[in-house]
Amino acid sequence: LCERFSVSRYTVREALRRLRDDNLVASRPRAGTLVVPRPSTNAYAQDVMSIDDLLAFAQGARFAIETNAMVTVDAALAERTGLPL
């Protein structure tokens, strides 16, 4: 990496440390550094750059409630949704 990006070893180590701190990579002795897989999500994200983009996206969208149920919020669900326990 030092050679490829023309940076010092310190710079590479610091960059890897920051990536580790953000849980984006994991380092193991004698195994190297690997990218941490992102957790799968059922969410869809649409980038919009202007209100016109948002309106164009919304024009073709539809909203439908597929199920309706009472659920008990446990710690995992509260963490994912921001709902109180």
PDB file of N, CA and C in Angstrom:
ATOM      1  N   LEU A   1       0.825  -1.196   0.000  1.00  0.00           N
ATOM      2  CA  LEU A   1       0.000   0.000   0.000  1.00  0.00           C
ATOM      3  C   LEU A   1       0.867   1.258   0.000  1.00  0.00           C
ATOM      4  N   CYS A   2       1.963   1.187   0.747  1.00  0.00           N
ATOM      5  CA  CYS A   2       2.869   2.340   0.787  1.00  0.00           C
ATOM      6  C   CYS A   2       3.366   2.686  -0.609  1.00  0.00           C
ATOM      7  N   GLU A   3       3.814   1.669  -1.317  1.00  0.00           N
ATOM      8  CA  GLU A   3       4.358   1.882  -2.654  1.00  0.00           C
ATOM      9  C   GLU A   3       3.268   2.303  -3.624  1.00  0.00           C
ATOM     10  N   ARG A   4       2.145   1.618  -3.564  1.00  0.00           N
ATOM     11  CA  ARG A   4       1.069   1.888  -4.516  1.00  0.00           C
ATOM     12  C   ARG A   4       0.540   3.314  -4.395  1.00  0.00           C
ATOM     13  N   PHE A   5       0.395   3.800  -3.151  1.00  0.00           N
ATOM     14  CA  PHE A   5      -0.181   5.123  -2.946  1.00  0.00           C
ATOM     15  C   PHE A   5       0.854   6.187  -2.595  1.00  0.00           C
ATOM     16  N   SER A   6       2.130   5.809  -2.633  1.00  0.00           N
ATOM     17  CA  SER A   6       3.231   6.744  -2.341  1.00  0.00           C
ATOM     18  C   SER A   6       3.035   7.447  -1.003  1.00  0.00           C
ATOM     19  N   VAL A   7       2.790   6.627   0.031  1.00  0.00           N
ATOM     20  CA  VAL A   7       2.621   7.166   1.382  1.00  0.00           C
ATOM     21  C   VAL A   7       3.525   6.394   2.336  1.00  0.00           C
ATOM     22  N   SER A   8       3.690   6.928   3.526  1.00  0.00           N
ATOM     23  CA  SER A   8       4.559   6.284   4.512  1.00  0.00           C
ATOM     24  C   SER A   8       3.847   5.117   5.196  1.00  0.00           C
ATOM     25  N   ARG A   9       4.640   4.270   5.850  1.00  0.00           N
ATOM     26  CA  ARG A   9       4.067   3.160   6.619  1.00  0.00           C
ATOM     27  C   ARG A   9       3.184   3.687   7.737  1.00  0.00           C
ATOM     28  N   TYR A  10       3.592   4.796   8.329  1.00  0.00           N
ATOM     29  CA  TYR A  10       2.784   5.397   9.391  1.00  0.00           C
ATOM     30  C   TYR A  10       1.387   5.746   8.869  1.00  0.00           C
ATOM     31  N   THR A  11       1.318   6.333   7.680  1.00  0.00           N
ATOM     32  CA  THR A  11       0.037   6.717   7.091  1.00  0.00           C
ATOM     33  C   THR A  11      -0.845   5.500   6.867  1.00  0.00           C
ATOM     34  N   VAL A  12      -0.272   4.428   6.345  1.00  0.00           N
ATOM     35  CA  VAL A  12      -1.040   3.202   6.110  1.00  0.00           C
ATOM     36  C   VAL A  12      -1.525   2.625   7.432  1.00  0.00           C
ATOM     37  N   ARG A  13      -0.649   2.563   8.426  1.00  0.00           N
ATOM     38  CA  ARG A  13      -1.038   2.022   9.737  1.00  0.00           C
ATOM     39  C   ARG A  13      -2.159   2.849  10.365  1.00  0.00           C
ATOM     40  N   GLU A  14      -2.049   4.156  10.254  1.00  0.00           N
ATOM     41  CA  GLU A  14      -3.074   5.038  10.824  1.00  0.00           C
ATOM     42  C   GLU A  14      -4.406   4.862  10.096  1.00  0.00           C
ATOM     43  N   ALA A  15      -4.354   4.747   8.777  1.00  0.00           N
ATOM     44  CA  ALA A  15      -5.583   4.532   8.005  1.00  0.00           C
ATOM     45  C   ALA A  15      -6.232   3.207   8.392  1.00  0.00           C
ATOM     46  N   LEU A  16      -5.422   2.150   8.515  1.00  0.00           N
ATOM     47  CA  LEU A  16      -5.963   0.848   8.915  1.00  0.00           C
ATOM     48  C   LEU A  16      -6.520   0.893  10.340  1.00  0.00           C
ATOM     49  N   ARG A  17      -5.861   1.625  11.226  1.00  0.00           N
ATOM     50  CA  ARG A  17      -6.357   1.752  12.599  1.00  0.00           C
ATOM     51  C   ARG A  17      -7.730   2.418  12.608  1.00  0.00           C
ATOM     52  N   ARG A  18      -7.883   3.470  11.805  1.00  0.00           N
ATOM     53  CA  ARG A  18      -9.176   4.165  11.744  1.00  0.00           C
ATOM     54  C   ARG A  18     -10.258   3.263  11.159  1.00  0.00           C
ATOM     55  N   LEU A  19      -9.904   2.502  10.137  1.00  0.00           N
ATOM     56  CA  LEU A  19     -10.873   1.564   9.556  1.00  0.00           C
ATOM     57  C   LEU A  19     -11.260   0.489  10.567  1.00  0.00           C
ATOM     58  N   ARG A  20     -10.283   0.016  11.360  1.00  0.00           N
ATOM     59  CA  ARG A  20     -10.581  -0.958  12.422  1.00  0.00           C
ATOM     60  C   ARG A  20     -11.491  -0.344  13.472  1.00  0.00           C
ATOM     61  N   ASP A  21     -11.208   0.890  13.866  1.00  0.00           N
ATOM     62  CA  ASP A  21     -12.028   1.579  14.867  1.00  0.00           C
ATOM     63  C   ASP A  21     -13.473   1.726  14.412  1.00  0.00           C
ATOM     64  N   ASP A  22     -13.675   1.866  13.105  1.00  0.00           N
ATOM     65  CA  ASP A  22     -15.023   1.985  12.545  1.00  0.00           C
ATOM     66  C   ASP A  22     -15.618   0.628  12.167  1.00  0.00           C
ATOM     67  N   ASN A  23     -14.925  -0.456  12.543  1.00  0.00           N
ATOM     68  CA  ASN A  23     -15.366  -1.826  12.242  1.00  0.00           C
ATOM     69  C   ASN A  23     -15.569  -2.072  10.751  1.00  0.00           C
ATOM     70  N   LEU A  24     -14.735  -1.441   9.938  1.00  0.00           N
ATOM     71  CA  LEU A  24     -14.796  -1.657   8.494  1.00  0.00           C
ATOM     72  C   LEU A  24     -13.805  -2.713   8.037  1.00  0.00           C
ATOM     73  N   VAL A  25     -12.735  -2.907   8.815  1.00  0.00           N
ATOM     74  CA  VAL A  25     -11.771  -3.968   8.534  1.00  0.00           C
ATOM     75  C   VAL A  25     -11.419  -4.657   9.844  1.00  0.00           C
ATOM     76  N   ALA A  26     -10.910  -5.877   9.724  1.00  0.00           N
ATOM     77  CA  ALA A  26     -10.445  -6.633  10.893  1.00  0.00           C
ATOM     78  C   ALA A  26      -9.049  -7.147  10.588  1.00  0.00           C
ATOM     79  N   SER A  27      -8.161  -6.998  11.546  1.00  0.00           N
ATOM     80  CA  SER A  27      -6.780  -7.456  11.380  1.00  0.00           C
ATOM     81  C   SER A  27      -6.522  -8.635  12.300  1.00  0.00           C
ATOM     82  N   ARG A  28      -5.797  -9.628  11.761  1.00  0.00           N
ATOM     83  CA  ARG A  28      -5.398 -10.785  12.565  1.00  0.00           C
ATOM     84  C   ARG A  28      -3.922 -11.036  12.330  1.00  0.00           C
ATOM     85  N   PRO A  29      -3.203 -11.366  13.396  1.00  0.00           N
ATOM     86  CA  PRO A  29      -1.772 -11.658  13.228  1.00  0.00           C
ATOM     87  C   PRO A  29      -1.550 -12.783  12.217  1.00  0.00           C
ATOM     88  N   ARG A  30      -0.597 -12.607  11.355  1.00  0.00           N
ATOM     89  CA  ARG A  30      -0.201 -13.569  10.320  1.00  0.00           C
ATOM     90  C   ARG A  30      -1.317 -13.894   9.324  1.00  0.00           C
ATOM     91  N   ALA A  31      -2.443 -13.186   9.397  1.00  0.00           N
ATOM     92  CA  ALA A  31      -3.521 -13.418   8.435  1.00  0.00           C
ATOM     93  C   ALA A  31      -3.802 -12.171   7.606  1.00  0.00           C
ATOM     94  N   GLY A  32      -3.345 -11.025   8.084  1.00  0.00           N
ATOM     95  CA  GLY A  32      -3.548  -9.792   7.337  1.00  0.00           C
ATOM     96  C   GLY A  32      -4.798  -9.050   7.775  1.00  0.00           C
ATOM     97  N   THR A  33      -5.212  -8.141   6.945  1.00  0.00           N
ATOM     98  CA  THR A  33      -6.375  -7.302   7.216  1.00  0.00           C
ATOM     99  C   THR A  33      -7.433  -7.598   6.175  1.00  0.00           C
ATOM    100  N   LEU A  34      -8.638  -7.840   6.639  1.00  0.00           N
ATOM    101  CA  LEU A  34      -9.746  -8.178   5.751  1.00  0.00           C
ATOM    102  C   LEU A  34     -10.880  -7.184   5.928  1.00  0.00           C
ATOM    103  N   VAL A  35     -11.606  -6.941   4.854  1.00  0.00           N
ATOM    104  CA  VAL A  35     -12.789  -6.089   4.924  1.00  0.00           C
ATOM    105  C   VAL A  35     -13.878  -6.847   5.668  1.00  0.00           C
ATOM    106  N   VAL A  36     -14.514  -6.172   6.617  1.00  0.00           N
ATOM    107  CA  VAL A  36     -15.600  -6.783   7.388  1.00  0.00           C
ATOM    108  C   VAL A  36     -16.867  -6.700   6.543  1.00  0.00           C
ATOM    109  N   PRO A  37     -17.563  -7.826   6.347  1.00  0.00           N
ATOM    110  CA  PRO A  37     -18.799  -7.777   5.559  1.00  0.00           C
ATOM    111  C   PRO A  37     -19.840  -6.898   6.247  1.00  0.00           C
ATOM    112  N   ARG A  38     -20.552  -6.146   5.461  1.00  0.00           N
ATOM    113  CA  ARG A  38     -21.617  -5.310   6.009  1.00  0.00           C
ATOM    114  C   ARG A  38     -22.816  -6.183   6.324  1.00  0.00           C
ATOM    115  N   PRO A  39     -23.486  -5.913   7.424  1.00  0.00           N
ATOM    116  CA  PRO A  39     -24.672  -6.708   7.736  1.00  0.00           C
ATOM    117  C   PRO A  39     -25.739  -6.475   6.682  1.00  0.00           C
ATOM    118  N   SER A  40     -26.430  -7.542   6.332  1.00  0.00           N
ATOM    119  CA  SER A  40     -27.479  -7.393   5.329  1.00  0.00           C
ATOM    120  C   SER A  40     -28.637  -6.621   5.940  1.00  0.00           C
ATOM    121  N   THR A  41     -29.287  -5.868   5.100  1.00  0.00           N
ATOM    122  CA  THR A  41     -30.428  -5.084   5.555  1.00  0.00           C
ATOM    123  C   THR A  41     -31.542  -5.213   4.539  1.00  0.00           C
ATOM    124  N   ASN A  42     -32.742  -5.110   5.004  1.00  0.00           N
ATOM    125  CA  ASN A  42     -33.889  -5.180   4.109  1.00  0.00           C
ATOM    126  C   ASN A  42     -34.335  -3.785   3.685  1.00  0.00           C
ATOM    127  N   ALA A  43     -33.520  -2.800   3.987  1.00  0.00           N
ATOM    128  CA  ALA A  43     -33.878  -1.423   3.668  1.00  0.00           C
ATOM    129  C   ALA A  43     -33.405  -1.060   2.265  1.00  0.00           C
ATOM    130  N   TYR A  44     -34.089  -0.116   1.673  1.00  0.00           N
ATOM    131  CA  TYR A  44     -33.723   0.402   0.361  1.00  0.00           C
ATOM    132  C   TYR A  44     -33.434   1.886   0.522  1.00  0.00           C
ATOM    133  N   ALA A  45     -32.337   2.336  -0.019  1.00  0.00           N
ATOM    134  CA  ALA A  45     -31.987   3.750   0.066  1.00  0.00           C
ATOM    135  C   ALA A  45     -31.990   4.352  -1.330  1.00  0.00           C
ATOM    136  N   GLN A  46     -32.619   5.492  -1.467  1.00  0.00           N
ATOM    137  CA  GLN A  46     -32.667   6.203  -2.738  1.00  0.00           C
ATOM    138  C   GLN A  46     -32.004   7.558  -2.534  1.00  0.00           C
ATOM    139  N   ASP A  47     -30.929   7.807  -3.264  1.00  0.00           N
ATOM    140  CA  ASP A  47     -30.263   9.099  -3.173  1.00  0.00           C
ATOM    141  C   ASP A  47     -31.011  10.120  -4.014  1.00  0.00           C
ATOM    142  N   VAL A  48     -31.267  11.265  -3.439  1.00  0.00           N
ATOM    143  CA  VAL A  48     -31.884  12.362  -4.182  1.00  0.00           C
ATOM    144  C   VAL A  48     -31.012  13.595  -4.005  1.00  0.00           C
ATOM    145  N   MET A  49     -30.861  14.332  -5.062  1.00  0.00           N
ATOM    146  CA  MET A  49     -30.007  15.514  -5.028  1.00  0.00           C
ATOM    147  C   MET A  49     -30.826  16.806  -4.998  1.00  0.00           C
ATOM    148  N   SER A  50     -32.109  16.709  -5.297  1.00  0.00           N
ATOM    149  CA  SER A  50     -32.942  17.912  -5.307  1.00  0.00           C
ATOM    150  C   SER A  50     -34.380  17.516  -5.010  1.00  0.00           C
ATOM    151  N   ILE A  51     -35.218  18.496  -4.776  1.00  0.00           N
ATOM    152  CA  ILE A  51     -36.636  18.226  -4.540  1.00  0.00           C
ATOM    153  C   ILE A  51     -37.272  17.625  -5.790  1.00  0.00           C
ATOM    154  N   ASP A  52     -36.794  18.021  -6.966  1.00  0.00           N
ATOM    155  CA  ASP A  52     -37.323  17.449  -8.209  1.00  0.00           C
ATOM    156  C   ASP A  52     -37.017  15.957  -8.296  1.00  0.00           C
ATOM    157  N   ASP A  53     -35.808  15.561  -7.875  1.00  0.00           N
ATOM    158  CA  ASP A  53     -35.464  14.136  -7.841  1.00  0.00           C
ATOM    159  C   ASP A  53     -36.400  13.387  -6.900  1.00  0.00           C
ATOM    160  N   LEU A  54     -36.654  13.979  -5.738  1.00  0.00           N
ATOM    161  CA  LEU A  54     -37.530  13.344  -4.759  1.00  0.00           C
ATOM    162  C   LEU A  54     -38.942  13.194  -5.304  1.00  0.00           C
ATOM    163  N   LEU A  55     -39.452  14.230  -5.926  1.00  0.00           N
ATOM    164  CA  LEU A  55     -40.801  14.166  -6.491  1.00  0.00           C
ATOM    165  C   LEU A  55     -40.878  13.150  -7.629  1.00  0.00           C
ATOM    166  N   ALA A  56     -39.845  13.089  -8.468  1.00  0.00           N
ATOM    167  CA  ALA A  56     -39.827  12.117  -9.563  1.00  0.00           C
ATOM    168  C   ALA A  56     -39.797  10.694  -9.018  1.00  0.00           C
ATOM    169  N   PHE A  57     -39.036  10.477  -7.957  1.00  0.00           N
ATOM    170  CA  PHE A  57     -38.989   9.147  -7.348  1.00  0.00           C
ATOM    171  C   PHE A  57     -40.336   8.799  -6.730  1.00  0.00           C
ATOM    172  N   ALA A  58     -40.923   9.739  -6.008  1.00  0.00           N
ATOM    173  CA  ALA A  58     -42.187   9.477  -5.316  1.00  0.00           C
ATOM    174  C   ALA A  58     -43.331   9.259  -6.298  1.00  0.00           C
ATOM    175  N   GLN A  59     -43.262   9.874  -7.462  1.00  0.00           N
ATOM    176  CA  GLN A  59     -44.334   9.752  -8.441  1.00  0.00           C
ATOM    177  C   GLN A  59     -44.533   8.299  -8.877  1.00  0.00           C
ATOM    178  N   GLY A  60     -43.459   7.549  -8.979  1.00  0.00           N
ATOM    179  CA  GLY A  60     -43.567   6.157  -9.405  1.00  0.00           C
ATOM    180  C   GLY A  60     -43.658   5.179  -8.249  1.00  0.00           C
ATOM    181  N   ALA A  61     -43.652   5.683  -7.028  1.00  0.00           N
ATOM    182  CA  ALA A  61     -43.669   4.796  -5.860  1.00  0.00           C
ATOM    183  C   ALA A  61     -45.093   4.516  -5.404  1.00  0.00           C
ATOM    184  N   ARG A  62     -45.238   3.407  -4.690  1.00  0.00           N
ATOM    185  CA  ARG A  62     -46.528   3.104  -4.077  1.00  0.00           C
ATOM    186  C   ARG A  62     -46.268   2.586  -2.675  1.00  0.00           C
ATOM    187  N   PHE A  63     -47.259   2.709  -1.850  1.00  0.00           N
ATOM    188  CA  PHE A  63     -47.138   2.294  -0.459  1.00  0.00           C
ATOM    189  C   PHE A  63     -48.242   1.295  -0.171  1.00  0.00           C
ATOM    190  N   ALA A  64     -47.867   0.154   0.380  1.00  0.00           N
ATOM    191  CA  ALA A  64     -48.857  -0.866   0.721  1.00  0.00           C
ATOM    192  C   ALA A  64     -48.471  -1.507   2.043  1.00  0.00           C
ATOM    193  N   ILE A  65     -49.444  -1.674   2.917  1.00  0.00           N
ATOM    194  CA  ILE A  65     -49.215  -2.379   4.177  1.00  0.00           C
ATOM    195  C   ILE A  65     -49.510  -3.848   3.912  1.00  0.00           C
ATOM    196  N   GLU A  66     -48.485  -4.679   4.037  1.00  0.00           N
ATOM    197  CA  GLU A  66     -48.642  -6.098   3.746  1.00  0.00           C
ATOM    198  C   GLU A  66     -49.100  -6.885   4.952  1.00  0.00           C
ATOM    199  N   THR A  67     -48.660  -6.491   6.133  1.00  0.00           N
ATOM    200  CA  THR A  67     -49.087  -7.177   7.354  1.00  0.00           C
ATOM    201  C   THR A  67     -49.291  -6.153   8.454  1.00  0.00           C
ATOM    202  N   ASN A  68     -50.077  -6.542   9.425  1.00  0.00           N
ATOM    203  CA  ASN A  68     -50.340  -5.696  10.574  1.00  0.00           C
ATOM    204  C   ASN A  68     -50.393  -6.611  11.781  1.00  0.00           C
ATOM    205  N   ALA A  69     -49.511  -6.390  12.745  1.00  0.00           N
ATOM    206  CA  ALA A  69     -49.471  -7.280  13.903  1.00  0.00           C
ATOM    207  C   ALA A  69     -48.954  -6.528  15.115  1.00  0.00           C
ATOM    208  N   MET A  70     -49.337  -6.990  16.287  1.00  0.00           N
ATOM    209  CA  MET A  70     -48.807  -6.467  17.540  1.00  0.00           C
ATOM    210  C   MET A  70     -47.529  -7.239  17.848  1.00  0.00           C
ATOM    211  N   VAL A  71     -46.478  -6.534  18.205  1.00  0.00           N
ATOM    212  CA  VAL A  71     -45.223  -7.183  18.557  1.00  0.00           C
ATOM    213  C   VAL A  71     -44.715  -6.606  19.870  1.00  0.00           C
ATOM    214  N   THR A  72     -43.949  -7.412  20.578  1.00  0.00           N
ATOM    215  CA  THR A  72     -43.285  -6.955  21.790  1.00  0.00           C
ATOM    216  C   THR A  72     -41.880  -6.514  21.411  1.00  0.00           C
ATOM    217  N   VAL A  73     -41.538  -5.309  21.788  1.00  0.00           N
ATOM    218  CA  VAL A  73     -40.228  -4.770  21.443  1.00  0.00           C
ATOM    219  C   VAL A  73     -39.192  -5.339  22.405  1.00  0.00           C
ATOM    220  N   ASP A  74     -38.242  -6.095  21.846  1.00  0.00           N
ATOM    221  CA  ASP A  74     -37.128  -6.586  22.658  1.00  0.00           C
ATOM    222  C   ASP A  74     -35.914  -5.692  22.396  1.00  0.00           C
ATOM    223  N   ALA A  75     -34.818  -5.986  23.050  1.00  0.00           N
ATOM    224  CA  ALA A  75     -33.626  -5.138  22.938  1.00  0.00           C
ATOM    225  C   ALA A  75     -33.124  -5.052  21.500  1.00  0.00           C
ATOM    226  N   ALA A  76     -33.124  -6.174  20.782  1.00  0.00           N
ATOM    227  CA  ALA A  76     -32.625  -6.177  19.400  1.00  0.00           C
ATOM    228  C   ALA A  76     -33.504  -5.310  18.499  1.00  0.00           C
ATOM    229  N   LEU A  77     -34.826  -5.434  18.640  1.00  0.00           N
ATOM    230  CA  LEU A  77     -35.741  -4.637  17.817  1.00  0.00           C
ATOM    231  C   LEU A  77     -35.643  -3.160  18.183  1.00  0.00           C
ATOM    232  N   ALA A  78     -35.509  -2.870  19.459  1.00  0.00           N
ATOM    233  CA  ALA A  78     -35.368  -1.480  19.896  1.00  0.00           C
ATOM    234  C   ALA A  78     -34.111  -0.854  19.309  1.00  0.00           C
ATOM    235  N   GLU A  79     -33.030  -1.612  19.263  1.00  0.00           N
ATOM    236  CA  GLU A  79     -31.780  -1.093  18.707  1.00  0.00           C
ATOM    237  C   GLU A  79     -31.907  -0.838  17.213  1.00  0.00           C
ATOM    238  N   ARG A  80     -32.556  -1.755  16.484  1.00  0.00           N
ATOM    239  CA  ARG A  80     -32.698  -1.610  15.028  1.00  0.00           C
ATOM    240  C   ARG A  80     -33.634  -0.476  14.641  1.00  0.00           C
ATOM    241  N   THR A  81     -34.694  -0.260  15.436  1.00  0.00           N
ATOM    242  CA  THR A  81     -35.730   0.685  15.043  1.00  0.00           C
ATOM    243  C   THR A  81     -35.712   1.998  15.802  1.00  0.00           C
ATOM    244  N   GLY A  82     -35.021   2.023  16.943  1.00  0.00           N
ATOM    245  CA  GLY A  82     -35.031   3.224  17.765  1.00  0.00           C
ATOM    246  C   GLY A  82     -36.255   3.328  18.654  1.00  0.00           C
ATOM    247  N   LEU A  83     -37.072   2.270  18.686  1.00  0.00           N
ATOM    248  CA  LEU A  83     -38.255   2.264  19.552  1.00  0.00           C
ATOM    249  C   LEU A  83     -37.843   2.078  21.003  1.00  0.00           C
ATOM    250  N   PRO A  84     -38.617   2.638  21.932  1.00  0.00           N
ATOM    251  CA  PRO A  84     -38.292   2.424  23.350  1.00  0.00           C
ATOM    252  C   PRO A  84     -38.672   1.013  23.775  1.00  0.00           C
ATOM    253  N   LEU A  85     -37.998   0.515  24.805  1.00  0.00           N
ATOM    254  CA  LEU A  85     -38.345  -0.801  25.365  1.00  0.00           C
ATOM    255  C   LEU A  85     -39.590  -0.696  26.200  1.00  0.00           C
TER     256      LEU A  85
END
